[in-house]
PDB file of N, CA and C in Angstrom:
ATOM      1  N   MET A   1       3.962   3.175 -46.360  1.00  0.00           N
ATOM      2  CA  MET A   1       4.007   1.978 -45.520  1.00  0.00           C
ATOM      3  C   MET A   1       5.409   1.798 -44.962  1.00  0.00           C
ATOM      4  N   SER A   2       5.492   1.605 -43.711  1.00  0.00           N
ATOM      5  CA  SER A   2       6.777   1.473 -43.045  1.00  0.00           C
ATOM      6  C   SER A   2       7.285   0.044 -43.136  1.00  0.00           C
ATOM      7  N   SER A   3       8.589  -0.081 -43.316  1.00  0.00           N
ATOM      8  CA  SER A   3       9.182  -1.417 -43.359  1.00  0.00           C
ATOM      9  C   SER A   3       9.541  -1.891 -41.958  1.00  0.00           C
ATOM     10  N   GLU A   4       9.362  -1.010 -40.986  1.00  0.00           N
ATOM     11  CA  GLU A   4       9.663  -1.350 -39.604  1.00  0.00           C
ATOM     12  C   GLU A   4       8.594  -2.280 -39.050  1.00  0.00           C
ATOM     13  N   LYS A   5       9.034  -3.368 -38.437  1.00  0.00           N
ATOM     14  CA  LYS A   5       8.098  -4.331 -37.849  1.00  0.00           C
ATOM     15  C   LYS A   5       7.798  -3.949 -36.406  1.00  0.00           C
ATOM     16  N   SER A   6       6.552  -4.085 -36.035  1.00  0.00           N
ATOM     17  CA  SER A   6       6.163  -3.826 -34.661  1.00  0.00           C
ATOM     18  C   SER A   6       6.537  -5.023 -33.800  1.00  0.00           C
ATOM     19  N   THR A   7       7.170  -4.759 -32.682  1.00  0.00           N
ATOM     20  CA  THR A   7       7.531  -5.848 -31.767  1.00  0.00           C
ATOM     21  C   THR A   7       6.482  -6.000 -30.670  1.00  0.00           C
ATOM     22  N   GLN A   8       5.512  -5.119 -30.653  1.00  0.00           N
ATOM     23  CA  GLN A   8       4.482  -5.193 -29.616  1.00  0.00           C
ATOM     24  C   GLN A   8       3.409  -6.187 -30.018  1.00  0.00           C
ATOM     25  N   SER A   9       3.368  -7.297 -29.302  1.00  0.00           N
ATOM     26  CA  SER A   9       2.347  -8.298 -29.577  1.00  0.00           C
ATOM     27  C   SER A   9       1.360  -8.388 -28.419  1.00  0.00           C
ATOM     28  N   GLU A  10       1.695  -7.721 -27.314  1.00  0.00           N
ATOM     29  CA  GLU A  10       0.812  -7.776 -26.161  1.00  0.00           C
ATOM     30  C   GLU A  10      -0.204  -6.647 -26.203  1.00  0.00           C
ATOM     31  N   PHE A  11      -1.321  -6.907 -25.597  1.00  0.00           N
ATOM     32  CA  PHE A  11      -2.368  -5.906 -25.459  1.00  0.00           C
ATOM     33  C   PHE A  11      -2.023  -5.001 -24.272  1.00  0.00           C
ATOM     34  N   ARG A  12      -2.521  -3.806 -24.295  1.00  0.00           N
ATOM     35  CA  ARG A  12      -2.351  -2.904 -23.167  1.00  0.00           C
ATOM     36  C   ARG A  12      -3.389  -3.290 -22.115  1.00  0.00           C
ATOM     37  N   LEU A  13      -2.949  -3.465 -20.900  1.00  0.00           N
ATOM     38  CA  LEU A  13      -3.807  -3.899 -19.808  1.00  0.00           C
ATOM     39  C   LEU A  13      -4.294  -2.679 -19.036  1.00  0.00           C
ATOM     40  N   LEU A  14      -5.615  -2.490 -18.992  1.00  0.00           N
ATOM     41  CA  LEU A  14      -6.232  -1.375 -18.288  1.00  0.00           C
ATOM     42  C   LEU A  14      -7.153  -1.925 -17.213  1.00  0.00           C
ATOM     43  N   PHE A  15      -7.376  -1.137 -16.183  1.00  0.00           N
ATOM     44  CA  PHE A  15      -8.264  -1.534 -15.096  1.00  0.00           C
ATOM     45  C   PHE A  15      -9.348  -0.496 -14.920  1.00  0.00           C
ATOM     46  N   LYS A  16     -10.556  -0.949 -14.669  1.00  0.00           N
ATOM     47  CA  LYS A  16     -11.570  -0.067 -14.122  1.00  0.00           C
ATOM     48  C   LYS A  16     -11.065   0.275 -12.721  1.00  0.00           C
ATOM     49  N   ALA A  17     -11.253   1.493 -12.274  1.00  0.00           N
ATOM     50  CA  ALA A  17     -10.690   1.926 -10.984  1.00  0.00           C
ATOM     51  C   ALA A  17     -11.075   0.978  -9.846  1.00  0.00           C
ATOM     52  N   SER A  18     -12.312   0.548  -9.840  1.00  0.00           N
ATOM     53  CA  SER A  18     -12.769  -0.349  -8.770  1.00  0.00           C
ATOM     54  C   SER A  18     -12.081  -1.713  -8.844  1.00  0.00           C
ATOM     55  N   ALA A  19     -11.801  -2.183 -10.051  1.00  0.00           N
ATOM     56  CA  ALA A  19     -11.098  -3.463 -10.198  1.00  0.00           C
ATOM     57  C   ALA A  19      -9.657  -3.338  -9.723  1.00  0.00           C
ATOM     58  N   TYR A  20      -9.046  -2.187  -9.981  1.00  0.00           N
ATOM     59  CA  TYR A  20      -7.675  -1.970  -9.506  1.00  0.00           C
ATOM     60  C   TYR A  20      -7.641  -1.939  -7.980  1.00  0.00           C
ATOM     61  N   GLN A  21      -8.642  -1.339  -7.370  1.00  0.00           N
ATOM     62  CA  GLN A  21      -8.712  -1.321  -5.909  1.00  0.00           C
ATOM     63  C   GLN A  21      -8.864  -2.740  -5.358  1.00  0.00           C
ATOM     64  N   GLU A  22      -9.653  -3.550  -6.047  1.00  0.00           N
ATOM     65  CA  GLU A  22      -9.801  -4.956  -5.635  1.00  0.00           C
ATOM     66  C   GLU A  22      -8.460  -5.674  -5.708  1.00  0.00           C
ATOM     67  N   PHE A  23      -7.719  -5.426  -6.776  1.00  0.00           N
ATOM     68  CA  PHE A  23      -6.409  -6.053  -6.944  1.00  0.00           C
ATOM     69  C   PHE A  23      -5.474  -5.629  -5.810  1.00  0.00           C
ATOM     70  N   LYS A  24      -5.424  -4.339  -5.530  1.00  0.00           N
ATOM     71  CA  LYS A  24      -4.533  -3.834  -4.485  1.00  0.00           C
ATOM     72  C   LYS A  24      -4.885  -4.388  -3.111  1.00  0.00           C
ATOM     73  N   ALA A  25      -6.153  -4.684  -2.872  1.00  0.00           N
ATOM     74  CA  ALA A  25      -6.604  -5.151  -1.561  1.00  0.00           C
ATOM     75  C   ALA A  25      -6.372  -6.646  -1.332  1.00  0.00           C
ATOM     76  N   LEU A  26      -5.963  -7.365  -2.350  1.00  0.00           N
ATOM     77  CA  LEU A  26      -5.776  -8.812  -2.218  1.00  0.00           C
ATOM     78  C   LEU A  26      -4.628  -9.139  -1.276  1.00  0.00           C
ATOM     79  N   ASP A  27      -4.743 -10.284  -0.620  1.00  0.00           N
ATOM     80  CA  ASP A  27      -3.667 -10.841   0.175  1.00  0.00           C
ATOM     81  C   ASP A  27      -2.457 -11.052  -0.744  1.00  0.00           C
ATOM     82  N   LYS A  28      -1.259 -10.884  -0.218  1.00  0.00           N
ATOM     83  CA  LYS A  28      -0.046 -10.930  -1.036  1.00  0.00           C
ATOM     84  C   LYS A  28       0.062 -12.216  -1.869  1.00  0.00           C
ATOM     85  N   SER A  29      -0.195 -13.366  -1.271  1.00  0.00           N
ATOM     86  CA  SER A  29      -0.047 -14.625  -2.006  1.00  0.00           C
ATOM     87  C   SER A  29      -1.063 -14.722  -3.152  1.00  0.00           C
ATOM     88  N   VAL A  30      -2.277 -14.259  -2.910  1.00  0.00           N
ATOM     89  CA  VAL A  30      -3.311 -14.276  -3.948  1.00  0.00           C
ATOM     90  C   VAL A  30      -2.989 -13.229  -5.012  1.00  0.00           C
ATOM     91  N   LYS A  31      -2.495 -12.082  -4.572  1.00  0.00           N
ATOM     92  CA  LYS A  31      -2.147 -11.010  -5.505  1.00  0.00           C
ATOM     93  C   LYS A  31      -1.094 -11.485  -6.502  1.00  0.00           C
ATOM     94  N   LEU A  32      -0.120 -12.259  -6.030  1.00  0.00           N
ATOM     95  CA  LEU A  32       0.914 -12.792  -6.928  1.00  0.00           C
ATOM     96  C   LEU A  32       0.312 -13.733  -7.974  1.00  0.00           C
ATOM     97  N   LYS A  33      -0.624 -14.557  -7.553  1.00  0.00           N
ATOM     98  CA  LYS A  33      -1.284 -15.475  -8.492  1.00  0.00           C
ATOM     99  C   LYS A  33      -2.129 -14.714  -9.504  1.00  0.00           C
ATOM    100  N   VAL A  34      -2.840 -13.700  -9.031  1.00  0.00           N
ATOM    101  CA  VAL A  34      -3.664 -12.885  -9.928  1.00  0.00           C
ATOM    102  C   VAL A  34      -2.767 -12.125 -10.904  1.00  0.00           C
ATOM    103  N   ALA A  35      -1.666 -11.562 -10.407  1.00  0.00           N
ATOM    104  CA  ALA A  35      -0.743 -10.819 -11.269  1.00  0.00           C
ATOM    105  C   ALA A  35      -0.172 -11.717 -12.360  1.00  0.00           C
ATOM    106  N   ALA A  36       0.173 -12.948 -12.011  1.00  0.00           N
ATOM    107  CA  ALA A  36       0.683 -13.888 -13.011  1.00  0.00           C
ATOM    108  C   ALA A  36      -0.370 -14.169 -14.074  1.00  0.00           C
ATOM    109  N   GLN A  37      -1.608 -14.312 -13.643  1.00  0.00           N
ATOM    110  CA  GLN A  37      -2.688 -14.570 -14.602  1.00  0.00           C
ATOM    111  C   GLN A  37      -2.945 -13.337 -15.461  1.00  0.00           C
ATOM    112  N   LEU A  38      -2.837 -12.150 -14.886  1.00  0.00           N
ATOM    113  CA  LEU A  38      -3.031 -10.919 -15.659  1.00  0.00           C
ATOM    114  C   LEU A  38      -1.983 -10.795 -16.770  1.00  0.00           C
ATOM    115  N   LEU A  39      -0.764 -11.220 -16.491  1.00  0.00           N
ATOM    116  CA  LEU A  39       0.274 -11.203 -17.525  1.00  0.00           C
ATOM    117  C   LEU A  39      -0.072 -12.160 -18.663  1.00  0.00           C
ATOM    118  N   LYS A  40      -0.636 -13.312 -18.312  1.00  0.00           N
ATOM    119  CA  LYS A  40      -1.077 -14.258 -19.342  1.00  0.00           C
ATOM    120  C   LYS A  40      -2.216 -13.674 -20.168  1.00  0.00           C
ATOM    121  N   ILE A  41      -3.134 -12.989 -19.502  1.00  0.00           N
ATOM    122  CA  ILE A  41      -4.259 -12.358 -20.206  1.00  0.00           C
ATOM    123  C   ILE A  41      -3.751 -11.269 -21.132  1.00  0.00           C
ATOM    124  N   GLN A  42      -2.779 -10.503 -20.664  1.00  0.00           N
ATOM    125  CA  GLN A  42      -2.218  -9.439 -21.482  1.00  0.00           C
ATOM    126  C   GLN A  42      -1.566 -10.011 -22.745  1.00  0.00           C
ATOM    127  N   ALA A  43      -0.876 -11.113 -22.609  1.00  0.00           N
ATOM    128  CA  ALA A  43      -0.218 -11.749 -23.752  1.00  0.00           C
ATOM    129  C   ALA A  43      -1.216 -12.415 -24.688  1.00  0.00           C
ATOM    130  N   ASN A  44      -2.294 -12.963 -24.126  1.00  0.00           N
ATOM    131  CA  ASN A  44      -3.309 -13.643 -24.926  1.00  0.00           C
ATOM    132  C   ASN A  44      -4.685 -13.376 -24.323  1.00  0.00           C
ATOM    133  N   PRO A  45      -5.315 -12.260 -24.713  1.00  0.00           N
ATOM    134  CA  PRO A  45      -6.582 -11.880 -24.083  1.00  0.00           C
ATOM    135  C   PRO A  45      -7.740 -12.830 -24.359  1.00  0.00           C
ATOM    136  N   LEU A  46      -7.575 -13.755 -25.278  1.00  0.00           N
ATOM    137  CA  LEU A  46      -8.650 -14.718 -25.538  1.00  0.00           C
ATOM    138  C   LEU A  46      -8.494 -15.982 -24.708  1.00  0.00           C
ATOM    139  N   THR A  47      -7.576 -15.937 -23.754  1.00  0.00           N
ATOM    140  CA  THR A  47      -7.441 -17.042 -22.816  1.00  0.00           C
ATOM    141  C   THR A  47      -8.679 -17.064 -21.918  1.00  0.00           C
ATOM    142  N   GLY A  48      -8.811 -18.049 -21.105  1.00  0.00           N
ATOM    143  CA  GLY A  48      -9.980 -18.126 -20.233  1.00  0.00           C
ATOM    144  C   GLY A  48     -11.215 -18.542 -21.008  1.00  0.00           C
ATOM    145  N   GLU A  49     -12.362 -18.261 -20.442  1.00  0.00           N
ATOM    146  CA  GLU A  49     -13.634 -18.662 -21.050  1.00  0.00           C
ATOM    147  C   GLU A  49     -14.460 -17.452 -21.425  1.00  0.00           C
ATOM    148  N   PRO A  50     -15.141 -17.533 -22.572  1.00  0.00           N
ATOM    149  CA  PRO A  50     -16.075 -16.449 -22.880  1.00  0.00           C
ATOM    150  C   PRO A  50     -17.244 -16.501 -21.906  1.00  0.00           C
ATOM    151  N   PHE A  51     -17.734 -15.341 -21.549  1.00  0.00           N
ATOM    152  CA  PHE A  51     -18.853 -15.255 -20.638  1.00  0.00           C
ATOM    153  C   PHE A  51     -20.145 -15.331 -21.425  1.00  0.00           C
ATOM    154  N   GLY A  52     -21.186 -15.506 -20.753  1.00  0.00           N
ATOM    155  CA  GLY A  52     -22.520 -15.503 -21.330  1.00  0.00           C
ATOM    156  C   GLY A  52     -23.468 -15.022 -20.255  1.00  0.00           C
ATOM    157  N   ASN A  53     -24.492 -15.792 -20.027  1.00  0.00           N
ATOM    158  CA  ASN A  53     -25.454 -15.464 -18.989  1.00  0.00           C
ATOM    159  C   ASN A  53     -25.263 -16.480 -17.867  1.00  0.00           C
ATOM    160  N   ARG A  54     -24.741 -16.021 -16.739  1.00  0.00           N
ATOM    161  CA  ARG A  54     -24.495 -16.892 -15.592  1.00  0.00           C
ATOM    162  C   ARG A  54     -25.195 -16.309 -14.379  1.00  0.00           C
ATOM    163  N   MET A  55     -25.864 -17.158 -13.674  1.00  0.00           N
ATOM    164  CA  MET A  55     -26.514 -16.764 -12.424  1.00  0.00           C
ATOM    165  C   MET A  55     -27.414 -15.542 -12.624  1.00  0.00           C
ATOM    166  N   GLY A  56     -28.047 -15.483 -13.779  1.00  0.00           N
ATOM    167  CA  GLY A  56     -28.947 -14.375 -14.073  1.00  0.00           C
ATOM    168  C   GLY A  56     -28.255 -13.074 -14.449  1.00  0.00           C
ATOM    169  N   VAL A  57     -26.952 -13.131 -14.684  1.00  0.00           N
ATOM    170  CA  VAL A  57     -26.177 -11.950 -15.048  1.00  0.00           C
ATOM    171  C   VAL A  57     -25.679 -12.146 -16.474  1.00  0.00           C
ATOM    172  N   ASP A  58     -26.045 -11.240 -17.370  1.00  0.00           N
ATOM    173  CA  ASP A  58     -25.628 -11.352 -18.764  1.00  0.00           C
ATOM    174  C   ASP A  58     -24.355 -10.542 -18.988  1.00  0.00           C
ATOM    175  N   LEU A  59     -23.254 -11.243 -19.127  1.00  0.00           N
ATOM    176  CA  LEU A  59     -21.966 -10.603 -19.395  1.00  0.00           C
ATOM    177  C   LEU A  59     -21.415 -11.096 -20.722  1.00  0.00           C
ATOM    178  N   THR A  60     -22.280 -11.217 -21.692  1.00  0.00           N
ATOM    179  CA  THR A  60     -21.871 -11.620 -23.025  1.00  0.00           C
ATOM    180  C   THR A  60     -20.865 -10.596 -23.553  1.00  0.00           C
ATOM    181  N   GLY A  61     -19.788 -11.091 -24.136  1.00  0.00           N
ATOM    182  CA  GLY A  61     -18.749 -10.219 -24.663  1.00  0.00           C
ATOM    183  C   GLY A  61     -17.571 -10.056 -23.706  1.00  0.00           C
ATOM    184  N   PHE A  62     -17.700 -10.600 -22.518  1.00  0.00           N
ATOM    185  CA  PHE A  62     -16.632 -10.547 -21.532  1.00  0.00           C
ATOM    186  C   PHE A  62     -16.006 -11.942 -21.416  1.00  0.00           C
ATOM    187  N   ARG A  63     -14.848 -11.985 -20.782  1.00  0.00           N
ATOM    188  CA  ARG A  63     -14.168 -13.258 -20.566  1.00  0.00           C
ATOM    189  C   ARG A  63     -13.870 -13.386 -19.076  1.00  0.00           C
ATOM    190  N   ARG A  64     -13.620 -14.604 -18.641  1.00  0.00           N
ATOM    191  CA  ARG A  64     -13.305 -14.841 -17.235  1.00  0.00           C
ATOM    192  C   ARG A  64     -12.280 -15.952 -17.122  1.00  0.00           C
ATOM    193  N   VAL A  65     -11.574 -15.932 -16.026  1.00  0.00           N
ATOM    194  CA  VAL A  65     -10.619 -16.986 -15.721  1.00  0.00           C
ATOM    195  C   VAL A  65     -10.627 -17.200 -14.212  1.00  0.00           C
ATOM    196  N   CYS A  66     -10.365 -18.436 -13.826  1.00  0.00           N
ATOM    197  CA  CYS A  66     -10.301 -18.805 -12.411  1.00  0.00           C
ATOM    198  C   CYS A  66      -8.855 -18.721 -11.930  1.00  0.00           C
ATOM    199  N   VAL A  67      -8.689 -18.298 -10.693  1.00  0.00           N
ATOM    200  CA  VAL A  67      -7.365 -18.166 -10.095  1.00  0.00           C
ATOM    201  C   VAL A  67      -7.426 -18.738  -8.686  1.00  0.00           C
ATOM    202  N   ASP A  68      -6.298 -19.167  -8.191  1.00  0.00           N
ATOM    203  CA  ASP A  68      -6.164 -19.635  -6.811  1.00  0.00           C
ATOM    204  C   ASP A  68      -7.127 -20.782  -6.514  1.00  0.00           C
ATOM    205  N   ARG A  69      -6.908 -21.865  -7.217  1.00  0.00           N
ATOM    206  CA  ARG A  69      -7.724 -23.075  -7.048  1.00  0.00           C
ATOM    207  C   ARG A  69      -9.207 -22.800  -7.215  1.00  0.00           C
ATOM    208  N   GLU A  70      -9.516 -21.954  -8.188  1.00  0.00           N
ATOM    209  CA  GLU A  70     -10.879 -21.599  -8.579  1.00  0.00           C
ATOM    210  C   GLU A  70     -11.629 -20.779  -7.535  1.00  0.00           C
ATOM    211  N   ARG A  71     -10.909 -20.209  -6.571  1.00  0.00           N
ATOM    212  CA  ARG A  71     -11.574 -19.379  -5.560  1.00  0.00           C
ATOM    213  C   ARG A  71     -11.803 -17.950  -6.044  1.00  0.00           C
ATOM    214  N   MET A  72     -10.943 -17.470  -6.936  1.00  0.00           N
ATOM    215  CA  MET A  72     -11.013 -16.090  -7.415  1.00  0.00           C
ATOM    216  C   MET A  72     -11.351 -16.072  -8.902  1.00  0.00           C
ATOM    217  N   ARG A  73     -11.956 -14.966  -9.336  1.00  0.00           N
ATOM    218  CA  ARG A  73     -12.283 -14.765 -10.739  1.00  0.00           C
ATOM    219  C   ARG A  73     -11.717 -13.426 -11.201  1.00  0.00           C
ATOM    220  N   ILE A  74     -11.256 -13.410 -12.445  1.00  0.00           N
ATOM    221  CA  ILE A  74     -10.892 -12.165 -13.117  1.00  0.00           C
ATOM    222  C   ILE A  74     -11.828 -12.062 -14.308  1.00  0.00           C
ATOM    223  N   ILE A  75     -12.458 -10.910 -14.468  1.00  0.00           N
ATOM    224  CA  ILE A  75     -13.385 -10.697 -15.578  1.00  0.00           C
ATOM    225  C   ILE A  75     -12.893  -9.498 -16.369  1.00  0.00           C
ATOM    226  N   TRP A  76     -12.801  -9.663 -17.696  1.00  0.00           N
ATOM    227  CA  TRP A  76     -12.270  -8.601 -18.542  1.00  0.00           C
ATOM    228  C   TRP A  76     -12.975  -8.550 -19.884  1.00  0.00           C
ATOM    229  N   GLN A  77     -12.725  -7.462 -20.583  1.00  0.00           N
ATOM    230  CA  GLN A  77     -13.272  -7.272 -21.920  1.00  0.00           C
ATOM    231  C   GLN A  77     -12.117  -6.930 -22.853  1.00  0.00           C
ATOM    232  N   VAL A  78     -12.141  -7.515 -24.049  1.00  0.00           N
ATOM    233  CA  VAL A  78     -11.108  -7.289 -25.042  1.00  0.00           C
ATOM    234  C   VAL A  78     -11.605  -6.265 -26.058  1.00  0.00           C
ATOM    235  N   ASN A  79     -10.755  -5.304 -26.379  1.00  0.00           N
ATOM    236  CA  ASN A  79     -11.039  -4.365 -27.458  1.00  0.00           C
ATOM    237  C   ASN A  79      -9.909  -4.522 -28.466  1.00  0.00           C
ATOM    238  N   ALA A  80     -10.137  -5.380 -29.457  1.00  0.00           N
ATOM    239  CA  ALA A  80      -9.088  -5.705 -30.423  1.00  0.00           C
ATOM    240  C   ALA A  80      -8.685  -4.505 -31.268  1.00  0.00           C
ATOM    241  N   SER A  81      -9.631  -3.640 -31.600  1.00  0.00           N
ATOM    242  CA  SER A  81      -9.299  -2.496 -32.449  1.00  0.00           C
ATOM    243  C   SER A  81      -8.384  -1.503 -31.733  1.00  0.00           C
ATOM    244  N   GLU A  82      -8.497  -1.413 -30.420  1.00  0.00           N
ATOM    245  CA  GLU A  82      -7.630  -0.529 -29.646  1.00  0.00           C
ATOM    246  C   GLU A  82      -6.482  -1.282 -28.981  1.00  0.00           C
ATOM    247  N   VAL A  83      -6.415  -2.585 -29.181  1.00  0.00           N
ATOM    248  CA  VAL A  83      -5.395  -3.468 -28.611  1.00  0.00           C
ATOM    249  C   VAL A  83      -5.321  -3.278 -27.090  1.00  0.00           C
ATOM    250  N   THR A  84      -6.500  -3.339 -26.460  1.00  0.00           N
ATOM    251  CA  THR A  84      -6.560  -3.196 -25.011  1.00  0.00           C
ATOM    252  C   THR A  84      -7.378  -4.312 -24.376  1.00  0.00           C
ATOM    253  N   VAL A  85      -7.085  -4.545 -23.142  1.00  0.00           N
ATOM    254  CA  VAL A  85      -7.842  -5.459 -22.288  1.00  0.00           C
ATOM    255  C   VAL A  85      -8.261  -4.630 -21.081  1.00  0.00           C
ATOM    256  N   LEU A  86      -9.557  -4.572 -20.803  1.00  0.00           N
ATOM    257  CA  LEU A  86     -10.063  -3.816 -19.667  1.00  0.00           C
ATOM    258  C   LEU A  86     -10.523  -4.795 -18.592  1.00  0.00           C
ATOM    259  N   VAL A  87      -9.830  -4.789 -17.475  1.00  0.00           N
ATOM    260  CA  VAL A  87     -10.202  -5.640 -16.343  1.00  0.00           C
ATOM    261  C   VAL A  87     -11.347  -4.942 -15.612  1.00  0.00           C
ATOM    262  N   ILE A  88     -12.475  -5.642 -15.529  1.00  0.00           N
ATOM    263  CA  ILE A  88     -13.690  -5.079 -14.945  1.00  0.00           C
ATOM    264  C   ILE A  88     -13.846  -5.480 -13.484  1.00  0.00           C
ATOM    265  N   GLY A  89     -13.410  -6.682 -13.143  1.00  0.00           N
ATOM    266  CA  GLY A  89     -13.592  -7.143 -11.775  1.00  0.00           C
ATOM    267  C   GLY A  89     -12.639  -8.248 -11.394  1.00  0.00           C
ATOM    268  N   ILE A  90     -12.247  -8.253 -10.138  1.00  0.00           N
ATOM    269  CA  ILE A  90     -11.425  -9.310  -9.560  1.00  0.00           C
ATOM    270  C   ILE A  90     -12.039  -9.606  -8.207  1.00  0.00           C
ATOM    271  N   GLY A  91     -12.461 -10.836  -8.009  1.00  0.00           N
ATOM    272  CA  GLY A  91     -13.074 -11.136  -6.724  1.00  0.00           C
ATOM    273  C   GLY A  91     -13.310 -12.606  -6.511  1.00  0.00           C
ATOM    274  N   PRO A  92     -13.742 -12.940  -5.303  1.00  0.00           N
ATOM    275  CA  PRO A  92     -14.001 -14.343  -4.975  1.00  0.00           C
ATOM    276  C   PRO A  92     -15.229 -14.871  -5.706  1.00  0.00           C
ATOM    277  N   ARG A  93     -15.188 -16.139  -5.945  1.00  0.00           N
ATOM    278  CA  ARG A  93     -16.289 -16.822  -6.620  1.00  0.00           C
ATOM    279  C   ARG A  93     -17.539 -16.848  -5.740  1.00  0.00           C
ATOM    280  N   ASP A  94     -17.365 -16.716  -4.470  1.00  0.00           N
ATOM    281  CA  ASP A  94     -18.395 -16.869  -3.456  1.00  0.00           C
ATOM    282  C   ASP A  94     -19.792 -16.464  -3.916  1.00  0.00           C
ATOM    283  N   LYS A  95     -20.607 -17.457  -4.193  1.00  0.00           N
ATOM    284  CA  LYS A  95     -22.018 -17.282  -4.567  1.00  0.00           C
ATOM    285  C   LYS A  95     -22.221 -16.331  -5.742  1.00  0.00           C
ATOM    286  N   GLY A  96     -21.221 -16.231  -6.601  1.00  0.00           N
ATOM    287  CA  GLY A  96     -21.359 -15.406  -7.792  1.00  0.00           C
ATOM    288  C   GLY A  96     -21.332 -13.914  -7.529  1.00  0.00           C
ATOM    289  N   GLU A  97     -20.873 -13.520  -6.355  1.00  0.00           N
ATOM    290  CA  GLU A  97     -20.874 -12.104  -5.988  1.00  0.00           C
ATOM    291  C   GLU A  97     -20.057 -11.257  -6.964  1.00  0.00           C
ATOM    292  N   VAL A  98     -18.935 -11.788  -7.447  1.00  0.00           N
ATOM    293  CA  VAL A  98     -18.108 -11.009  -8.373  1.00  0.00           C
ATOM    294  C   VAL A  98     -18.874 -10.705  -9.657  1.00  0.00           C
ATOM    295  N   TYR A  99     -19.707 -11.633 -10.106  1.00  0.00           N
ATOM    296  CA  TYR A  99     -20.488 -11.400 -11.325  1.00  0.00           C
ATOM    297  C   TYR A  99     -21.523 -10.299 -11.106  1.00  0.00           C
ATOM    298  N   LEU A 100     -22.175 -10.325  -9.953  1.00  0.00           N
ATOM    299  CA  LEU A 100     -23.166  -9.297  -9.628  1.00  0.00           C
ATOM    300  C   LEU A 100     -22.499  -7.931  -9.488  1.00  0.00           C
ATOM    301  N   THR A 101     -21.321  -7.904  -8.882  1.00  0.00           N
ATOM    302  CA  THR A 101     -20.576  -6.649  -8.730  1.00  0.00           C
ATOM    303  C   THR A 101     -20.221  -6.070 -10.092  1.00  0.00           C
ATOM    304  N   VAL A 102     -19.748  -6.914 -10.994  1.00  0.00           N
ATOM    305  CA  VAL A 102     -19.388  -6.458 -12.343  1.00  0.00           C
ATOM    306  C   VAL A 102     -20.616  -5.930 -13.075  1.00  0.00           C
ATOM    307  N   ALA A 103     -21.725  -6.628 -12.956  1.00  0.00           N
ATOM    308  CA  ALA A 103     -22.958  -6.186 -13.620  1.00  0.00           C
ATOM    309  C   ALA A 103     -23.396  -4.810 -13.100  1.00  0.00           C
ATOM    310  N   ARG A 104     -23.268  -4.594 -11.789  1.00  0.00           N
ATOM    311  CA  ARG A 104     -23.614  -3.294 -11.201  1.00  0.00           C
ATOM    312  C   ARG A 104     -22.685  -2.200 -11.736  1.00  0.00           C
ATOM    313  N   ARG A 105     -21.403  -2.505 -11.831  1.00  0.00           N
ATOM    314  CA  ARG A 105     -20.451  -1.525 -12.350  1.00  0.00           C
ATOM    315  C   ARG A 105     -20.775  -1.136 -13.787  1.00  0.00           C
ATOM    316  N   LEU A 106     -21.120  -2.122 -14.576  1.00  0.00           N
ATOM    317  CA  LEU A 106     -21.439  -1.837 -15.968  1.00  0.00           C
ATOM    318  C   LEU A 106     -22.716  -1.010 -16.087  1.00  0.00           C
ATOM    319  N   ALA A 107     -23.703  -1.304 -15.239  1.00  0.00           N
ATOM    320  CA  ALA A 107     -24.948  -0.551 -15.261  1.00  0.00           C
ATOM    321  C   ALA A 107     -24.714   0.905 -14.837  1.00  0.00           C
ATOM    322  N   GLU A 108     -23.855   1.108 -13.854  1.00  0.00           N
ATOM    323  CA  GLU A 108     -23.552   2.460 -13.370  1.00  0.00           C
ATOM    324  C   GLU A 108     -22.785   3.258 -14.409  1.00  0.00           C
ATOM    325  N   GLY A 109     -21.983   2.560 -15.205  1.00  0.00           N
ATOM    326  CA  GLY A 109     -21.159   3.236 -16.205  1.00  0.00           C
ATOM    327  C   GLY A 109     -21.916   3.657 -17.450  1.00  0.00           C
ATOM    328  N   LYS A 110     -23.156   3.227 -17.574  1.00  0.00           N
ATOM    329  CA  LYS A 110     -23.932   3.537 -18.778  1.00  0.00           C
ATOM    330  C   LYS A 110     -24.743   4.791 -18.598  1.00  0.00           C
TER     331      LYS A 110
END
């Protein structure tokens, strides 16, 4: 057993490729707000709200947070054993489209 203390308290932040593309495509002002929220998620991945079944989409086990006056959503999954946070989707709230997009991505990945 090592007497050395780990100074790493943050989770490693990972992106699904499509979520990273969404992040890169954001308007600069929105991107800054999303980036600030991503840093908060990285420091405390249990921030935001746990997901469940919304708008007919079951994303139980995922979390979400609102950004930019609730216009944007970030959806992620925490893997505590690997100390990672996987960002699955970043998009506008508009009619729940971001939730449907995330559900499609998860279905394609299986």
